[in-house]
Amino acid sequence: MATEATISAVDDKYSTPSYTLDLAEMLEPYLAEVQTGGILHLCNGGSCSWREYAQHALDAAHAAVSHFWQKQSIPFSSIPSPPSS
């Protein structure tokens, strides 16, 4: 069994993760009205890097093996793009 592993996470791409309960509460007033169309863009405030979000997910999951992982920040450009069709 390996004693350590490296997890790479993008550190130069930012996002606004949104909690589903918050989104449901934001959406509720719009569901009470009859809408004829349109697009709603709902999200929480603030932002974090993908690395910060990954770290939060690991921390929230109380990963039993997290002390074995070395975190490594990488640029978004290092992730391969899917092949174009």
C-alpha atoms as a PDB file:
ATOM      1  CA  MET A   1       0.000   0.000   0.000  1.00  0.00           C
ATOM      2  CA  ALA A   2       1.340   3.438  -0.915  1.00  0.00           C
ATOM      3  CA  THR A   3       1.963   5.789   1.959  1.00  0.00           C
ATOM      4  CA  GLU A   4       1.284   8.957   0.015  1.00  0.00           C
ATOM      5  CA  ALA A   5      -0.353  10.161  -3.174  1.00  0.00           C
ATOM      6  CA  THR A   6      -0.521  13.506  -4.907  1.00  0.00           C
ATOM      7  CA  ILE A   7      -3.773  15.175  -5.834  1.00  0.00           C
ATOM      8  CA  SER A   8      -3.483  17.915  -8.436  1.00  0.00           C
ATOM      9  CA  ALA A   9      -6.072  20.665  -8.359  1.00  0.00           C
ATOM     10  CA  VAL A  10      -6.452  23.743 -10.550  1.00  0.00           C
ATOM     11  CA  ASP A  11      -5.488  26.868  -8.624  1.00  0.00           C
ATOM     12  CA  ASP A  12      -5.969  29.574 -11.263  1.00  0.00           C
ATOM     13  CA  LYS A  13      -9.629  28.994 -12.202  1.00  0.00           C
ATOM     14  CA  TYR A  14     -12.322  30.487  -9.976  1.00  0.00           C
ATOM     15  CA  SER A  15     -15.977  29.658  -9.549  1.00  0.00           C
ATOM     16  CA  THR A  16     -18.944  30.386  -7.300  1.00  0.00           C
ATOM     17  CA  PRO A  17     -20.130  27.077  -5.862  1.00  0.00           C
ATOM     18  CA  SER A  18     -23.775  27.252  -4.852  1.00  0.00           C
ATOM     19  CA  TYR A  19     -25.491  25.268  -2.111  1.00  0.00           C
ATOM     20  CA  THR A  20     -28.581  23.535  -3.509  1.00  0.00           C
ATOM     21  CA  LEU A  21     -30.781  24.543  -0.568  1.00  0.00           C
ATOM     22  CA  ASP A  22     -29.839  28.198  -1.162  1.00  0.00           C
ATOM     23  CA  LEU A  23     -30.694  27.817  -4.854  1.00  0.00           C
ATOM     24  CA  ALA A  24     -34.040  26.206  -4.024  1.00  0.00           C
ATOM     25  CA  GLU A  25     -34.901  29.112  -1.718  1.00  0.00           C
ATOM     26  CA  MET A  26     -33.847  31.660  -4.379  1.00  0.00           C
ATOM     27  CA  LEU A  27     -35.923  29.848  -7.011  1.00  0.00           C
ATOM     28  CA  GLU A  28     -39.100  29.510  -4.936  1.00  0.00           C
ATOM     29  CA  PRO A  29     -40.519  33.016  -5.629  1.00  0.00           C
ATOM     30  CA  TYR A  30     -40.193  32.439  -9.383  1.00  0.00           C
ATOM     31  CA  LEU A  31     -42.106  29.155  -9.187  1.00  0.00           C
ATOM     32  CA  ALA A  32     -45.126  30.913  -7.686  1.00  0.00           C
ATOM     33  CA  GLU A  33     -45.600  32.957 -10.890  1.00  0.00           C
ATOM     34  CA  VAL A  34     -46.495  31.669 -14.324  1.00  0.00           C
ATOM     35  CA  GLN A  35     -43.449  32.314 -16.482  1.00  0.00           C
ATOM     36  CA  THR A  36     -43.684  32.503 -20.263  1.00  0.00           C
ATOM     37  CA  GLY A  37     -39.974  31.919 -20.759  1.00  0.00           C
ATOM     38  CA  GLY A  38     -36.593  33.255 -19.968  1.00  0.00           C
ATOM     39  CA  ILE A  39     -33.410  32.195 -18.245  1.00  0.00           C
ATOM     40  CA  LEU A  40     -32.601  32.568 -14.568  1.00  0.00           C
ATOM     41  CA  HIS A  41     -29.007  32.635 -13.380  1.00  0.00           C
ATOM     42  CA  LEU A  42     -28.915  32.049  -9.639  1.00  0.00           C
ATOM     43  CA  CYS A  43     -25.799  31.548  -7.542  1.00  0.00           C
ATOM     44  CA  ASN A  44     -24.366  32.214  -4.118  1.00  0.00           C
ATOM     45  CA  GLY A  45     -21.966  35.087  -3.498  1.00  0.00           C
ATOM     46  CA  GLY A  46     -18.211  34.865  -3.152  1.00  0.00           C
ATOM     47  CA  SER A  47     -15.751  32.747  -5.075  1.00  0.00           C
ATOM     48  CA  CYS A  48     -12.975  30.231  -4.636  1.00  0.00           C
ATOM     49  CA  SER A  49     -10.413  28.448  -6.778  1.00  0.00           C
ATOM     50  CA  TRP A  50     -11.114  24.916  -7.903  1.00  0.00           C
ATOM     51  CA  ARG A  51      -8.297  23.846  -5.539  1.00  0.00           C
ATOM     52  CA  GLU A  52      -9.988  25.557  -2.591  1.00  0.00           C
ATOM     53  CA  TYR A  53     -13.283  23.898  -3.526  1.00  0.00           C
ATOM     54  CA  ALA A  54     -11.604  20.490  -3.781  1.00  0.00           C
ATOM     55  CA  GLN A  55      -9.936  21.026  -0.409  1.00  0.00           C
ATOM     56  CA  HIS A  56     -13.280  21.949   1.136  1.00  0.00           C
ATOM     57  CA  ALA A  57     -14.872  18.807  -0.336  1.00  0.00           C
ATOM     58  CA  LEU A  58     -12.087  16.667   1.127  1.00  0.00           C
ATOM     59  CA  ASP A  59     -12.351  18.394   4.501  1.00  0.00           C
ATOM     60  CA  ALA A  60     -16.157  18.105   4.543  1.00  0.00           C
ATOM     61  CA  ALA A  61     -15.965  14.407   3.730  1.00  0.00           C
ATOM     62  CA  HIS A  62     -13.551  13.858   6.619  1.00  0.00           C
ATOM     63  CA  ALA A  63     -11.448  11.744   4.278  1.00  0.00           C
ATOM     64  CA  ALA A  64      -9.779   9.134   6.450  1.00  0.00           C
ATOM     65  CA  VAL A  65      -6.687   9.077   4.268  1.00  0.00           C
ATOM     66  CA  SER A  66      -6.321  12.822   3.688  1.00  0.00           C
ATOM     67  CA  HIS A  67      -3.107  12.899   5.741  1.00  0.00           C
ATOM     68  CA  PHE A  68      -1.505  10.717   3.029  1.00  0.00           C
ATOM     69  CA  TRP A  69      -2.194  13.221   0.238  1.00  0.00           C
ATOM     70  CA  GLN A  70       0.136  15.935  -0.929  1.00  0.00           C
ATOM     71  CA  LYS A  71      -1.744  18.794  -2.537  1.00  0.00           C
ATOM     72  CA  GLN A  72      -0.302  20.262  -5.738  1.00  0.00           C
ATOM     73  CA  SER A  73      -1.591  23.442  -7.382  1.00  0.00           C
ATOM     74  CA  ILE A  74      -1.683  23.364 -11.181  1.00  0.00           C
ATOM     75  CA  PRO A  75      -2.773  25.873 -13.859  1.00  0.00           C
ATOM     76  CA  PHE A  76      -6.062  25.364 -15.691  1.00  0.00           C
ATOM     77  CA  SER A  77      -4.146  25.207 -18.990  1.00  0.00           C
ATOM     78  CA  SER A  78      -2.484  21.950 -17.883  1.00  0.00           C
ATOM     79  CA  ILE A  79      -5.793  20.055 -18.121  1.00  0.00           C
ATOM     80  CA  PRO A  80      -6.154  18.402 -21.549  1.00  0.00           C
ATOM     81  CA  SER A  81      -9.081  19.608 -23.646  1.00  0.00           C
ATOM     82  CA  PRO A  82     -11.507  16.998 -24.947  1.00  0.00           C
ATOM     83  CA  PRO A  83     -10.951  16.138 -28.595  1.00  0.00           C
ATOM     84  CA  SER A  84     -13.007  18.232 -30.998  1.00  0.00           C
ATOM     85  CA  SER A  85     -15.426  16.438 -33.278  1.00  0.00           C
END
